[in-house]
Structures are given as C-alpha cells and as structure tokens.
C-alpha cells in the first residue's frame, strides 16, 4: 500500500455507518485477504467495471496533488497482475460512473476540476479502443450511480449543482438516452447501486445533508421502482452512509466502507434478497476508506483504492464470505 499526503481533500466521498447487528454470530463472518496492489498511482473516486469472467478495468479518479486521472488498467483476477490499457479519451475526471452492456464498458459524467460533465465513451476490451458515444442527456453531474441490465445502461441521481433523483436509460443499439421514471423517495448524491437477479438497486447517499435511509429496486420489465426495507431499522441494522462500495457475490449484496458524520468507516453489511434484511459481517480489514471501487469476477469479489483522511490508497482486498475472519492473512 502506498500513501500520499493530501494537500486538498477531495470533495467526494463514499460512506456508511453500521451501529448494530441483527445477529451477533454474523459479525465475524467472512474474511478479507490482501491481494496484488494496483500498479497505477493511488486514487479515489475512480470507476471499475468487469467485462468477462476474470478481467476487470479500473481507472480515472483523483489524487492528493489535485491531479485528475484518465488512465485505464486491466486486472487479471486469475493471476493477480495489472496491465495499463488505452487511456480514457475524455478529460481526466473523478466522480464518474460506469456500466457494462453487451460486453462493452461505458464511462461518463463526473467532474474535471472545473466543470461537471455529461460526455460518455465506450471501451472495447477486444480492440483496446475507446469510442465516443452520445452524451448523457440529463444535466451534467458527478456523484451519480449507474448499472447495466440486459445490455441497457442506467444512470441517475447525483449532484448537478443540486441533488437530483432523475434516471435515464442508454440503448447501445440506437446510441440514445431515454428518461425513465425517477427513483422514489428523496433526491440523493454519493449513493451506491448494484444489480441482483435482473433488477437494479440504489441505496445510501445524502440529501440536504441528511443520510438517505431508503433503498429502491428498479424492475426494467415494468419500468417502476419499489421501496425495500429501510437501511435504518432501529436495533437491528443501520446501513446509512455516503460514498460506500457495493457488490453482489454468492447470493447476497454487500454494502460497506464509506463515510458518516465526518468519519471514514470500515463496517460491512450483507443484504439477504430472500428476507429483505441486513446482517453485519466482518469489518473491512484494510484502512477505513471512502470513494473506493468494488468489482466482482467469476468467483472473486474485490475492493480497491479510495481515501482515508489525507491518504490515497492503492491496495486491493478480496472478500471471502465463507472463511472465518483472520486479520493475519
């Protein structure tokens, strides 16, 4: 892990705080194992997307020297090494979003230090080439969320100068954006999103300085959002935070790390889609962090990058949900 001193703290952050656990026995469930460090410079607010079973792409972001990145790196999960690929052709940026549709990675929106952005680009891993696609048709923004379902991309929420809750669908065949029904509940920025069983989920983030307690499910076949169990359930769980990471692995969705009430945290929670309930699992074993990235390959789940106070990070950690917790591995 490489640390760099921060001269200006990034304005973006991911976060969640878990205060209680619904089952004391789950607190030590799962193990985090440190993997091969990222070869590029430490950063936060990057993007990551997985295209095939064992290849993941990670890039863009922000460092402590007020530097915005446009590099892209490929991680081979089978052998644990990184290779630099073709640079992202748009302006260097942080707070962008990414999704995958039809084997192509899409990256867009964000902030370049001067302007909020709405441009989008497609990355073809077979040719290692980027192509400019239609600009996002919503207002330029950063701190949004995105996910891909059935070869369509979905982008929404974020900060345009104000927090927003609009959502848009991208069709790669027509290279066009269509506005869909807005997410329910409050407007939000710095939230997180994941896909489970063909449906998109959005949770966490903040609205007017308050932490969002609502999680919503989007069904692309009906075109509507459904509210799920709140993230704050008194004595059982409290998953609220901003700038967290999330991923789906081995039948559950995981949300963790991030920031709440001015503190960077490392707690992690698992959402059970059958019962729509949350259980606390073993804390993330690296440094607490916000603005990190997560990704899943065929049989592994990872968290990498982010920032902890005045430090930017380049370590990578694998989540093993069925192992006992071991802080020494």
Foldseek 3Di string as FASTA:
>chain_A
DDWDFAPDDDPAWFKWDKDAFQDPVFQQFWAKDWADWDPDDFFFQWEKDDQAQFKIKIWWGAARVRDTTFWIWIAGRVVRDIDTFDGRPDARFGQWEWEDAPRKIKIWWGDRPPDTTFWMWIAHPVVSDIDTFDTHPDARFGQWYWYDFHRKIKIAFGCNVATAFWMWIAHPVVSDIDTADGEDDAGFGQWYWEDDPRKIKIAWGDHPRHIFQWMWIAHPVVRDIDIAHTCPDDNHIHTHAGQWEWYDADQWIKTAWMDDPHATFFWMWIAHPVVRDIGTHHGDLDARFIRWYWYHHNHWIKIAWGAHVRITGGIMMIIDRRDGYDNPD
